[in-house]
Amino acid sequence: MRRAFVVAFAAFFLLGTAWALALPVNGTYDEKQHLVRAYAVWTGQWLPHERVPDASGIETNAFVGPRSLLPDNADCTWIDKPAYHPASCLVTNGDRAHTLVPSAAARYSPVYYALVGLPLRISPDGTGLIWARLLSAALSALLLAWAVVLALTGGNRLLALAVLLVTTPMLADLAGSINPNGLEISAAALLFVALLRRHWAAAGLASVLLFTVRDLGPFFVLAVLALSLFVTRTHPRELLRRAFLVPAALGAAFAVFWAAVASRGSDLDQGRPVPPTTSGAILSDIVHNRAEFWARQIIGQFNYGETTISIAVIGLWYLLVAALVVPAVWLGDRRLRLGIATAFAGSAALLVALELYFAPKLGTHFAHGRYVMPLGVGVVLLAPSADRYARWLSDRGWLDRLVLVCAALAVPMQLYALARVMTRFERGIAAGLNPFGGSWTPPVGNVAPLLCALVGAVLLGVIVTRSSVRPTPVHSTANTLSN
């Protein structure tokens, strides 16, 4: 088990590391907001007291920090539409003089930022950013590796495969950047698996993280608990075990405390007129535009949404998911079908609700597909609970083949997504696939990120397809953890 965990951790960490090394500053969604927040937490600035205009002229909460934290034009790669320049447009500086630095994440929970922000406090520049990204990648890797090992010790290869499939290129990108969304999704994946396996210590750790890293955490914890207990027919009194109850209660208490002290009402004030809209117009836009963006982003639509990958790759990834989920729905019992349907419908409904609530206040789109991945991963992770499907595959000798094919196809898709994004930043948005050369080069060069992604993806495939971990009965695991 220990060996399997080490290999799984190395696999997930290398995947995250590939993105950490490949991306420029602010190379993924809102990273400039989160890295400023991380620096602020480590300098004792837990709440903002100043406001300054950001790059778009909107009044935004701000912290005191050195100019070296961000390039002078951190948005230059995506804000000049439709040019979308390569990252060579970024103008960095080493000025440690303090100024007011805006952050739209200024009132977010400090937990994630306290875990990853120390390197930015020591070195508030590009070097500190890379080390902070590596810390973030390591945290997500710990959670995902634990989930894989729990699946394998339960003898459930399909569940291990499900963890591989929810680790989409988008999740690898988020894990390897400064963004709490990556840790949130990883914690939700571990919570699902831990509850399915009745591993209360892992469930406790996952729940305390999910409660505290982002605003929607309490909702996701309750949703995951309800779905997992319903599908597995586990009595709620099982949650009274100390290994789960204590960390979950602490996480819930902190979530309530932070909600009370960090009101976000002022964050919605744009300081400028907001174009009027209607619910009908928003729903129409969802049907014709946003729904496709949400579906694409869950697999891979990068930077600030402008960097797309092949629709064939996205479609193939969803086909691999369907190969696991559709037969499970067909062969599973009524509870499993209802659980999977609820996870899917709940994710879609939450995205629509977020868009209907925030879009009129902000005057722009708000919801992203990645926001609901902590619940959406349940569609995939609940599917292996269909024992009839696993037996049906085993009886025909197809179980190992299915796992092998899915793992083998995931390797080149992970590598392709990274290469596509590297090309975009090195050569520009319209350049053909070529992650070598260009006007900008990652600080560690072109080869290291690609090599990390290749080795990580291969190791993940190996641990899922050829692990020698012996199955451990559920009741034994539960008894061990309660001691």
Protein backbone atom coordinates (compact mmCIF):
# COMPACT_ATOMS: atom_id res chain seq x y z
CA MET A 1 0.00 0.00 0.00
CA ARG A 2 2.80 2.42 0.86
CA ARG A 3 4.54 1.75 -2.44
CA ALA A 4 1.31 2.26 -4.36
CA PHE A 5 0.75 5.56 -2.58
CA VAL A 6 4.25 6.79 -3.40
CA VAL A 7 3.81 5.95 -7.08
CA ALA A 8 0.34 7.51 -7.21
CA PHE A 9 1.57 10.65 -5.47
CA ALA A 10 4.49 10.94 -7.87
CA ALA A 11 2.11 10.56 -10.81
CA PHE A 12 -0.29 13.28 -9.74
CA PHE A 13 2.48 15.57 -8.52
CA LEU A 14 4.33 15.34 -11.82
CA LEU A 15 1.14 16.15 -13.73
CA GLY A 16 0.62 19.26 -11.62
CA THR A 17 4.30 20.14 -11.76
CA ALA A 18 4.20 20.10 -15.56
CA TRP A 19 1.64 22.91 -15.53
CA ALA A 20 3.40 24.75 -12.71
CA LEU A 21 6.59 24.92 -14.76
CA ALA A 22 4.95 25.60 -18.14
CA LEU A 23 2.64 28.53 -17.39
CA PRO A 24 3.64 32.20 -17.32
CA VAL A 25 2.55 34.45 -14.47
CA ASN A 26 -1.26 34.70 -14.53
CA GLY A 27 -1.32 31.86 -17.06
CA THR A 28 -4.61 30.44 -15.81
CA TYR A 29 -7.94 31.63 -14.48
CA ASP A 30 -7.57 34.50 -11.96
CA GLU A 31 -4.10 33.49 -10.83
CA LYS A 32 -3.06 37.11 -10.40
CA GLN A 33 -5.90 37.54 -7.90
CA HIS A 34 -5.00 34.43 -5.90
CA LEU A 35 -1.24 34.93 -5.71
CA VAL A 36 -1.74 38.44 -4.28
CA ARG A 37 -4.14 36.94 -1.72
CA ALA A 38 -1.57 34.28 -0.82
CA TYR A 39 1.13 36.90 -0.24
CA ALA A 40 -1.29 38.99 1.84
CA VAL A 41 -2.22 36.10 4.14
CA TRP A 42 1.45 35.43 4.87
CA THR A 43 2.01 39.10 5.71
CA GLY A 44 -0.90 39.21 8.16
CA GLN A 45 -3.35 40.94 5.82
CA TRP A 46 -6.32 38.65 6.28
CA LEU A 47 -8.88 41.23 5.20
CA PRO A 48 -8.51 44.20 2.83
CA HIS A 49 -8.73 47.81 3.99
CA GLU A 50 -8.08 49.63 0.71
CA ARG A 51 -9.54 49.70 -2.79
CA VAL A 52 -7.84 50.64 -6.05
CA PRO A 53 -8.76 50.30 -9.74
CA ASP A 54 -7.61 47.07 -11.37
CA ALA A 55 -6.37 46.74 -14.96
CA SER A 56 -9.89 47.12 -16.32
CA GLY A 57 -10.59 50.23 -14.24
CA ILE A 58 -12.96 48.51 -11.77
CA GLU A 59 -12.59 49.47 -8.10
CA THR A 60 -11.23 46.35 -6.38
CA ASN A 61 -10.09 45.40 -2.89
CA ALA A 62 -6.35 45.74 -2.47
CA PHE A 63 -3.45 44.76 -0.23
CA VAL A 64 -0.07 46.31 0.39
CA GLY A 65 2.61 44.35 -1.48
CA PRO A 66 5.74 44.72 -3.61
CA ARG A 67 5.47 45.63 -7.28
CA SER A 68 7.48 42.50 -8.11
CA LEU A 69 4.50 40.28 -7.23
CA LEU A 70 2.99 40.81 -10.69
CA PRO A 71 4.18 41.96 -14.11
CA ASP A 72 3.26 45.53 -14.94
CA ASN A 73 0.78 44.21 -17.54
CA ALA A 74 -0.32 40.86 -16.09
CA ASP A 75 -3.34 40.64 -18.43
CA CYS A 76 -1.53 41.29 -21.70
CA THR A 77 -1.77 37.68 -22.96
CA TRP A 78 -5.59 37.67 -23.09
CA ILE A 79 -7.11 41.11 -22.65
CA ASP A 80 -6.21 42.41 -26.14
CA LYS A 81 -8.87 40.46 -28.04
CA PRO A 82 -8.65 38.85 -30.54
CA ALA A 83 -4.84 39.11 -30.72
CA TYR A 84 -4.15 37.04 -27.59
CA HIS A 85 -0.42 37.67 -27.46
CA PRO A 86 2.25 35.17 -26.43
CA ALA A 87 3.65 35.54 -22.91
CA SER A 88 6.62 37.53 -24.23
CA CYS A 89 4.37 40.60 -23.86
CA LEU A 90 4.66 40.40 -20.04
CA VAL A 91 6.83 43.13 -18.50
CA THR A 92 8.30 41.90 -15.22
CA ASN A 93 10.24 43.92 -12.71
CA GLY A 94 12.21 43.30 -9.54
CA ASP A 95 10.98 46.39 -7.70
CA ARG A 96 10.32 45.44 -4.06
CA ALA A 97 8.87 48.88 -3.27
CA HIS A 98 5.42 48.49 -1.70
CA THR A 99 2.24 49.68 -3.35
CA LEU A 100 -1.46 48.81 -3.34
CA VAL A 101 -2.01 45.59 -5.31
CA PRO A 102 -5.62 44.73 -6.26
CA SER A 103 -7.12 41.29 -5.69
CA ALA A 104 -10.68 40.14 -6.43
CA ALA A 105 -9.99 37.24 -4.03
CA ALA A 106 -9.23 39.57 -1.13
CA ARG A 107 -12.03 38.26 1.10
CA TYR A 108 -11.67 34.57 0.28
CA SER A 109 -10.96 32.08 3.05
CA PRO A 110 -7.27 32.24 4.03
CA VAL A 111 -6.86 28.46 4.45
CA TYR A 112 -5.65 27.55 0.96
CA TYR A 113 -3.45 30.62 0.75
CA ALA A 114 -1.84 29.85 4.10
CA LEU A 115 -0.95 26.38 2.79
CA VAL A 116 0.75 27.56 -0.41
CA GLY A 117 1.77 31.19 0.15
CA LEU A 118 5.05 30.98 2.08
CA PRO A 119 7.29 30.93 -1.03
CA LEU A 120 5.65 34.17 -2.20
CA ARG A 121 6.38 35.76 1.17
CA ILE A 122 10.04 34.73 0.90
CA SER A 123 10.43 35.58 -2.77
CA PRO A 124 7.58 37.80 -4.07
CA ASP A 125 8.33 37.25 -7.75
CA GLY A 126 8.30 34.61 -10.46
CA THR A 127 10.59 32.27 -8.50
CA GLY A 128 8.35 32.34 -5.45
CA LEU A 129 5.34 31.76 -7.69
CA ILE A 130 6.79 28.54 -9.11
CA TRP A 131 7.55 27.17 -5.64
CA ALA A 132 4.06 28.12 -4.45
CA ARG A 133 2.58 26.35 -7.47
CA LEU A 134 4.59 23.25 -6.62
CA LEU A 135 3.18 23.30 -3.09
CA SER A 136 -0.32 23.53 -4.53
CA ALA A 137 0.40 20.62 -6.88
CA ALA A 138 1.72 18.53 -3.99
CA LEU A 139 -1.39 19.12 -1.87
CA SER A 140 -3.74 18.03 -4.64
CA ALA A 141 -1.48 15.07 -5.40
CA LEU A 142 -1.69 13.88 -1.79
CA LEU A 143 -5.48 13.87 -1.89
CA LEU A 144 -5.82 12.21 -5.30
CA ALA A 145 -3.16 9.60 -4.51
CA TRP A 146 -4.98 8.71 -1.30
CA ALA A 147 -8.19 8.31 -3.30
CA VAL A 148 -6.52 5.94 -5.78
CA VAL A 149 -4.99 3.81 -3.02
CA LEU A 150 -8.32 3.58 -1.19
CA ALA A 151 -9.92 2.38 -4.41
CA LEU A 152 -7.22 -0.21 -5.02
CA THR A 153 -7.19 -1.51 -1.43
CA GLY A 154 -10.90 -2.07 -1.89
CA GLY A 155 -10.16 -4.17 -4.97
CA ASN A 156 -12.13 -1.76 -7.16
CA ARG A 157 -10.12 -1.02 -10.31
CA LEU A 158 -13.04 0.80 -11.85
CA LEU A 159 -13.02 3.25 -8.93
CA ALA A 160 -9.28 3.81 -9.41
CA LEU A 161 -9.98 4.39 -13.11
CA ALA A 162 -12.70 6.86 -12.16
CA VAL A 163 -10.16 8.92 -10.17
CA LEU A 164 -7.92 8.96 -13.25
CA LEU A 165 -10.82 10.16 -15.43
CA VAL A 166 -11.84 13.00 -13.08
CA THR A 167 -8.21 14.18 -13.18
CA THR A 168 -8.84 16.00 -16.42
CA PRO A 169 -6.25 18.33 -17.96
CA MET A 170 -8.28 21.18 -16.43
CA LEU A 171 -7.80 19.76 -12.94
CA ALA A 172 -4.08 19.25 -13.60
CA ASP A 173 -3.84 22.89 -14.72
CA LEU A 174 -5.66 24.16 -11.62
CA ALA A 175 -3.62 21.94 -9.29
CA GLY A 176 -0.39 23.31 -10.74
CA SER A 177 -1.36 26.97 -10.37
CA ILE A 178 -2.30 29.29 -7.53
CA ASN A 179 -6.04 28.70 -7.45
CA PRO A 180 -8.01 27.05 -4.62
CA ASN A 181 -10.35 25.43 -7.14
CA GLY A 182 -7.82 22.65 -7.81
CA LEU A 183 -7.50 21.69 -4.14
CA GLU A 184 -11.28 21.94 -3.76
CA ILE A 185 -11.93 19.46 -6.59
CA SER A 186 -9.23 17.08 -5.30
CA ALA A 187 -10.70 17.18 -1.79
CA ALA A 188 -14.17 16.40 -3.15
CA ALA A 189 -12.80 13.43 -5.12
CA LEU A 190 -11.17 12.05 -1.97
CA LEU A 191 -14.34 12.63 0.05
CA PHE A 192 -16.44 10.68 -2.45
CA VAL A 193 -13.99 7.76 -2.50
CA ALA A 194 -13.45 7.78 1.27
CA LEU A 195 -17.18 7.66 1.94
CA LEU A 196 -17.68 4.87 -0.59
CA ARG A 197 -14.90 2.95 1.18
CA ARG A 198 -16.00 4.06 4.66
CA HIS A 199 -12.53 5.37 5.42
CA TRP A 200 -13.44 7.96 8.04
CA ALA A 201 -9.98 9.51 8.54
CA ALA A 202 -9.66 10.31 4.84
CA ALA A 203 -13.25 11.57 4.79
CA GLY A 204 -12.50 13.82 7.76
CA LEU A 205 -9.45 15.40 6.13
CA ALA A 206 -11.26 15.88 2.83
CA SER A 207 -14.28 17.45 4.52
CA VAL A 208 -12.30 19.97 6.54
CA LEU A 209 -10.53 21.11 3.38
CA LEU A 210 -13.73 21.23 1.36
CA PHE A 211 -15.45 23.22 4.12
CA THR A 212 -12.71 25.84 4.28
CA VAL A 213 -11.02 26.50 0.93
CA ARG A 214 -13.92 28.11 -1.00
CA ASP A 215 -17.34 29.65 -0.37
CA LEU A 216 -19.39 26.79 -1.83
CA GLY A 217 -17.53 24.23 0.28
CA PRO A 218 -20.30 23.65 2.87
CA PHE A 219 -22.81 22.98 0.11
CA PHE A 220 -20.47 20.51 -1.57
CA VAL A 221 -19.73 18.66 1.69
CA LEU A 222 -23.43 18.20 2.40
CA ALA A 223 -24.15 17.16 -1.19
CA VAL A 224 -21.33 14.60 -1.27
CA LEU A 225 -22.36 13.20 2.11
CA ALA A 226 -25.99 12.85 1.06
CA LEU A 227 -25.22 11.20 -2.28
CA SER A 228 -22.58 8.81 -0.93
CA LEU A 229 -24.61 7.70 2.09
CA PHE A 230 -27.70 7.24 -0.09
CA VAL A 231 -25.94 5.16 -2.75
CA THR A 232 -24.07 2.96 -0.26
CA ARG A 233 -27.02 2.64 2.15
CA THR A 234 -24.79 3.85 4.98
CA HIS A 235 -26.64 5.02 8.09
CA PRO A 236 -25.90 8.66 8.99
CA ARG A 237 -24.84 7.64 12.50
CA GLU A 238 -21.66 6.26 10.91
CA LEU A 239 -20.59 9.90 10.55
CA LEU A 240 -20.36 10.14 14.33
CA ARG A 241 -17.00 8.41 14.27
CA ARG A 242 -14.39 10.67 15.80
CA ALA A 243 -12.00 10.45 12.82
CA PHE A 244 -14.64 12.12 10.66
CA LEU A 245 -16.76 14.13 13.05
CA VAL A 246 -14.02 16.19 14.72
CA PRO A 247 -12.35 17.59 11.57
CA ALA A 248 -15.71 18.04 9.83
CA ALA A 249 -17.08 20.00 12.80
CA LEU A 250 -13.96 22.19 12.92
CA GLY A 251 -14.22 22.86 9.21
CA ALA A 252 -17.90 23.74 9.46
CA ALA A 253 -17.25 26.06 12.40
CA PHE A 254 -14.52 27.89 10.50
CA ALA A 255 -16.75 28.22 7.43
CA VAL A 256 -19.45 29.87 9.55
CA PHE A 257 -16.89 32.11 11.27
CA TRP A 258 -15.33 33.29 8.02
CA ALA A 259 -18.70 33.93 6.41
CA ALA A 260 -19.53 36.18 9.35
CA VAL A 261 -16.31 38.24 9.32
CA ALA A 262 -15.71 38.50 5.57
CA SER A 263 -18.90 39.88 4.05
CA ARG A 264 -18.53 40.20 0.28
CA GLY A 265 -21.25 42.73 -0.44
CA SER A 266 -18.83 45.42 -1.62
CA ASP A 267 -17.13 43.00 -4.01
CA LEU A 268 -20.18 43.10 -6.29
CA ASP A 269 -19.99 46.89 -6.65
CA GLN A 270 -18.46 47.45 -10.08
CA GLY A 271 -18.14 51.21 -9.64
CA ARG A 272 -19.67 51.67 -13.08
CA PRO A 273 -23.09 51.23 -14.73
CA VAL A 274 -24.11 47.61 -15.33
CA PRO A 275 -26.02 46.93 -18.56
CA PRO A 276 -29.56 45.72 -17.76
CA THR A 277 -30.51 42.17 -18.67
CA THR A 278 -33.31 39.69 -18.06
CA SER A 279 -33.50 36.11 -16.85
CA GLY A 280 -34.78 35.09 -20.27
CA ALA A 281 -31.77 36.60 -22.00
CA ILE A 282 -29.40 34.89 -19.56
CA LEU A 283 -31.08 31.50 -20.06
CA SER A 284 -30.94 31.93 -23.84
CA ASP A 285 -27.24 32.72 -23.61
CA ILE A 286 -26.70 29.62 -21.48
CA VAL A 287 -28.37 27.40 -24.07
CA HIS A 288 -26.58 28.89 -27.07
CA ASN A 289 -23.14 29.68 -25.60
CA ARG A 290 -22.36 29.06 -21.96
CA ALA A 291 -23.40 25.41 -21.75
CA GLU A 292 -20.86 24.47 -24.40
CA PHE A 293 -18.17 26.49 -22.64
CA TRP A 294 -18.96 24.78 -19.33
CA ALA A 295 -18.73 21.31 -20.88
CA ARG A 296 -15.47 22.12 -22.67
CA GLN A 297 -13.85 23.71 -19.64
CA ILE A 298 -14.36 20.66 -17.42
CA ILE A 299 -11.96 18.79 -19.69
CA GLY A 300 -9.80 21.66 -20.92
CA GLN A 301 -10.35 25.27 -21.91
CA PHE A 302 -7.47 27.25 -20.54
CA ASN A 303 -5.96 30.59 -19.52
CA TYR A 304 -8.99 32.93 -19.38
CA GLY A 305 -11.12 30.72 -21.62
CA GLU A 306 -9.58 31.73 -24.93
CA THR A 307 -7.20 28.76 -25.21
CA THR A 308 -9.11 25.78 -26.55
CA ILE A 309 -8.05 22.24 -27.35
CA SER A 310 -9.35 19.92 -30.04
CA ILE A 311 -13.03 19.08 -29.75
CA ALA A 312 -12.05 15.52 -30.68
CA VAL A 313 -9.93 15.24 -27.51
CA ILE A 314 -12.75 16.63 -25.37
CA GLY A 315 -15.22 14.27 -27.02
CA LEU A 316 -12.92 11.28 -26.53
CA TRP A 317 -12.48 12.08 -22.83
CA TYR A 318 -16.25 12.20 -22.41
CA LEU A 319 -16.54 8.89 -24.28
CA LEU A 320 -14.17 7.29 -21.76
CA VAL A 321 -16.34 8.67 -18.97
CA ALA A 322 -19.44 7.32 -20.73
CA ALA A 323 -17.83 3.86 -20.99
CA LEU A 324 -17.77 3.83 -17.20
CA VAL A 325 -20.99 5.67 -16.34
CA VAL A 326 -23.57 4.51 -18.93
CA PRO A 327 -23.26 0.75 -18.25
CA ALA A 328 -23.20 1.46 -14.51
CA VAL A 329 -26.48 3.34 -14.80
CA TRP A 330 -27.93 0.48 -16.86
CA LEU A 331 -26.74 -2.31 -14.56
CA GLY A 332 -26.81 -0.49 -11.23
CA ASP A 333 -29.69 -0.40 -8.78
CA ARG A 334 -32.25 2.38 -8.41
CA ARG A 335 -30.26 4.17 -5.73
CA LEU A 336 -27.15 4.36 -7.90
CA ARG A 337 -29.10 5.65 -10.87
CA LEU A 338 -30.74 8.32 -8.75
CA GLY A 339 -27.43 9.29 -7.16
CA ILE A 340 -25.65 9.73 -10.49
CA ALA A 341 -28.61 11.61 -11.98
CA THR A 342 -28.74 13.90 -8.93
CA ALA A 343 -25.01 14.68 -9.13
CA PHE A 344 -25.37 15.59 -12.80
CA ALA A 345 -28.61 17.56 -12.48
CA GLY A 346 -27.44 19.30 -9.32
CA SER A 347 -24.24 20.45 -11.02
CA ALA A 348 -26.14 21.83 -14.00
CA ALA A 349 -28.73 23.53 -11.80
CA LEU A 350 -26.03 25.16 -9.67
CA LEU A 351 -24.31 26.62 -12.74
CA VAL A 352 -27.59 28.06 -14.00
CA ALA A 353 -28.42 29.48 -10.56
CA LEU A 354 -25.00 31.13 -10.23
CA GLU A 355 -25.35 32.71 -13.67
CA LEU A 356 -28.88 33.96 -12.98
CA TYR A 357 -27.84 35.51 -9.66
CA PHE A 358 -24.48 37.07 -10.49
CA ALA A 359 -24.65 38.03 -14.17
CA PRO A 360 -27.17 40.86 -13.65
CA LYS A 361 -25.09 42.24 -10.77
CA LEU A 362 -21.75 42.09 -12.58
CA GLY A 363 -22.87 42.83 -16.10
CA THR A 364 -20.88 39.89 -17.45
CA HIS A 365 -20.74 36.10 -17.37
CA PHE A 366 -19.95 34.56 -14.01
CA ALA A 367 -20.31 30.77 -13.77
CA HIS A 368 -17.59 28.37 -14.96
CA GLY A 369 -17.88 24.62 -15.42
CA ARG A 370 -14.95 24.11 -13.07
CA TYR A 371 -16.96 25.68 -10.22
CA VAL A 372 -19.22 22.62 -9.93
CA MET A 373 -16.59 19.93 -10.48
CA PRO A 374 -16.51 19.13 -6.72
CA LEU A 375 -20.07 17.82 -7.15
CA GLY A 376 -19.79 16.81 -10.80
CA VAL A 377 -16.99 14.32 -10.15
CA GLY A 378 -19.59 12.28 -8.32
CA VAL A 379 -21.16 11.33 -11.67
CA VAL A 380 -17.97 9.39 -12.42
CA LEU A 381 -16.91 8.30 -8.92
CA LEU A 382 -20.29 6.83 -7.98
CA ALA A 383 -20.48 4.69 -11.12
CA PRO A 384 -18.04 1.96 -9.95
CA SER A 385 -20.51 1.15 -7.16
CA ALA A 386 -22.39 -0.92 -9.77
CA ASP A 387 -21.03 -4.34 -8.81
CA ARG A 388 -22.96 -6.01 -11.64
CA TYR A 389 -20.98 -4.00 -14.19
CA ALA A 390 -17.63 -5.03 -12.72
CA ARG A 391 -18.73 -8.68 -12.63
CA TRP A 392 -20.04 -8.46 -16.18
CA LEU A 393 -16.68 -7.15 -17.38
CA SER A 394 -14.71 -9.70 -15.35
CA ASP A 395 -16.76 -12.64 -16.57
CA ARG A 396 -15.84 -11.73 -20.15
CA GLY A 397 -12.22 -10.89 -19.39
CA TRP A 398 -12.81 -7.25 -20.34
CA LEU A 399 -12.17 -5.47 -17.02
CA ASP A 400 -8.40 -5.21 -17.39
CA ARG A 401 -8.77 -4.29 -21.06
CA LEU A 402 -11.17 -1.44 -20.32
CA VAL A 403 -8.91 -0.01 -17.63
CA LEU A 404 -5.85 -0.36 -19.85
CA VAL A 405 -7.47 1.28 -22.88
CA CYS A 406 -8.79 4.22 -20.85
CA ALA A 407 -5.46 4.75 -19.09
CA ALA A 408 -3.50 4.45 -22.33
CA LEU A 409 -5.69 7.00 -24.10
CA ALA A 410 -5.49 9.45 -21.19
CA VAL A 411 -1.68 9.68 -21.46
CA PRO A 412 -1.46 11.33 -24.90
CA MET A 413 -4.47 13.53 -24.17
CA GLN A 414 -2.83 14.94 -21.04
CA LEU A 415 0.37 15.55 -22.99
CA TYR A 416 -1.46 17.12 -25.92
CA ALA A 417 -3.39 19.57 -23.71
CA LEU A 418 -0.18 20.79 -22.08
CA ALA A 419 1.60 21.08 -25.44
CA ARG A 420 -1.30 23.09 -26.86
CA VAL A 421 -1.24 25.58 -23.99
CA MET A 422 2.55 25.85 -24.12
CA THR A 423 2.30 26.62 -27.84
CA ARG A 424 -0.27 29.31 -27.16
CA PHE A 425 1.99 31.11 -24.67
CA GLU A 426 5.20 30.61 -26.63
CA ARG A 427 3.96 31.43 -30.13
CA GLY A 428 0.49 32.96 -29.85
CA ILE A 429 -3.11 31.83 -29.98
CA ALA A 430 -3.22 31.05 -33.71
CA ALA A 431 0.03 29.07 -33.94
CA GLY A 432 0.05 25.42 -34.94
CA LEU A 433 0.95 22.83 -32.31
CA ASN A 434 4.66 23.24 -31.53
CA PRO A 435 5.70 23.58 -27.86
CA PHE A 436 9.33 24.26 -28.74
CA GLY A 437 10.75 27.68 -29.48
CA GLY A 438 8.74 30.83 -29.88
CA SER A 439 9.13 34.32 -28.46
CA TRP A 440 8.62 33.15 -24.86
CA THR A 441 10.11 30.14 -23.08
CA PRO A 442 9.14 28.74 -19.64
CA PRO A 443 11.76 29.55 -16.98
CA VAL A 444 12.89 25.90 -16.87
CA GLY A 445 12.80 25.44 -20.65
CA ASN A 446 10.41 23.59 -22.94
CA VAL A 447 11.40 19.98 -22.27
CA ALA A 448 10.99 19.75 -18.48
CA PRO A 449 7.21 20.43 -18.36
CA LEU A 450 6.50 17.97 -21.18
CA LEU A 451 8.70 15.32 -19.58
CA CYS A 452 6.96 15.76 -16.22
CA ALA A 453 3.55 15.39 -17.88
CA LEU A 454 4.63 12.30 -19.81
CA VAL A 455 6.14 10.52 -16.81
CA GLY A 456 3.27 11.52 -14.54
CA ALA A 457 0.58 10.33 -16.94
CA VAL A 458 2.40 7.04 -17.59
CA LEU A 459 2.88 6.40 -13.86
CA LEU A 460 -0.78 7.08 -13.26
CA GLY A 461 -1.69 4.60 -15.96
CA VAL A 462 0.66 2.03 -14.45
CA ILE A 463 -0.69 2.35 -10.91
CA VAL A 464 -4.29 2.04 -12.13
CA THR A 465 -3.69 -0.90 -14.47
CA ARG A 466 -0.95 -2.93 -12.81
CA SER A 467 -1.04 -2.20 -9.08
CA SER A 468 -0.31 -5.16 -6.82
CA VAL A 469 -2.20 -3.72 -3.82
CA ARG A 470 -4.23 -6.44 -2.17
CA PRO A 471 -7.95 -5.79 -1.65
CA THR A 472 -8.87 -4.93 1.93
CA PRO A 473 -12.41 -5.68 3.14
CA VAL A 474 -14.44 -2.59 3.94
CA HIS A 475 -15.22 -3.67 7.48
CA SER A 476 -11.53 -4.22 8.26
CA THR A 477 -10.62 -0.77 7.04
CA ALA A 478 -13.36 0.81 9.08
CA ASN A 479 -12.34 -1.07 12.23
CA THR A 480 -8.70 -0.11 11.78
CA LEU A 481 -9.53 3.57 11.41
CA SER A 482 -11.78 3.67 14.44
CA ASN A 483 -8.95 2.52 16.74
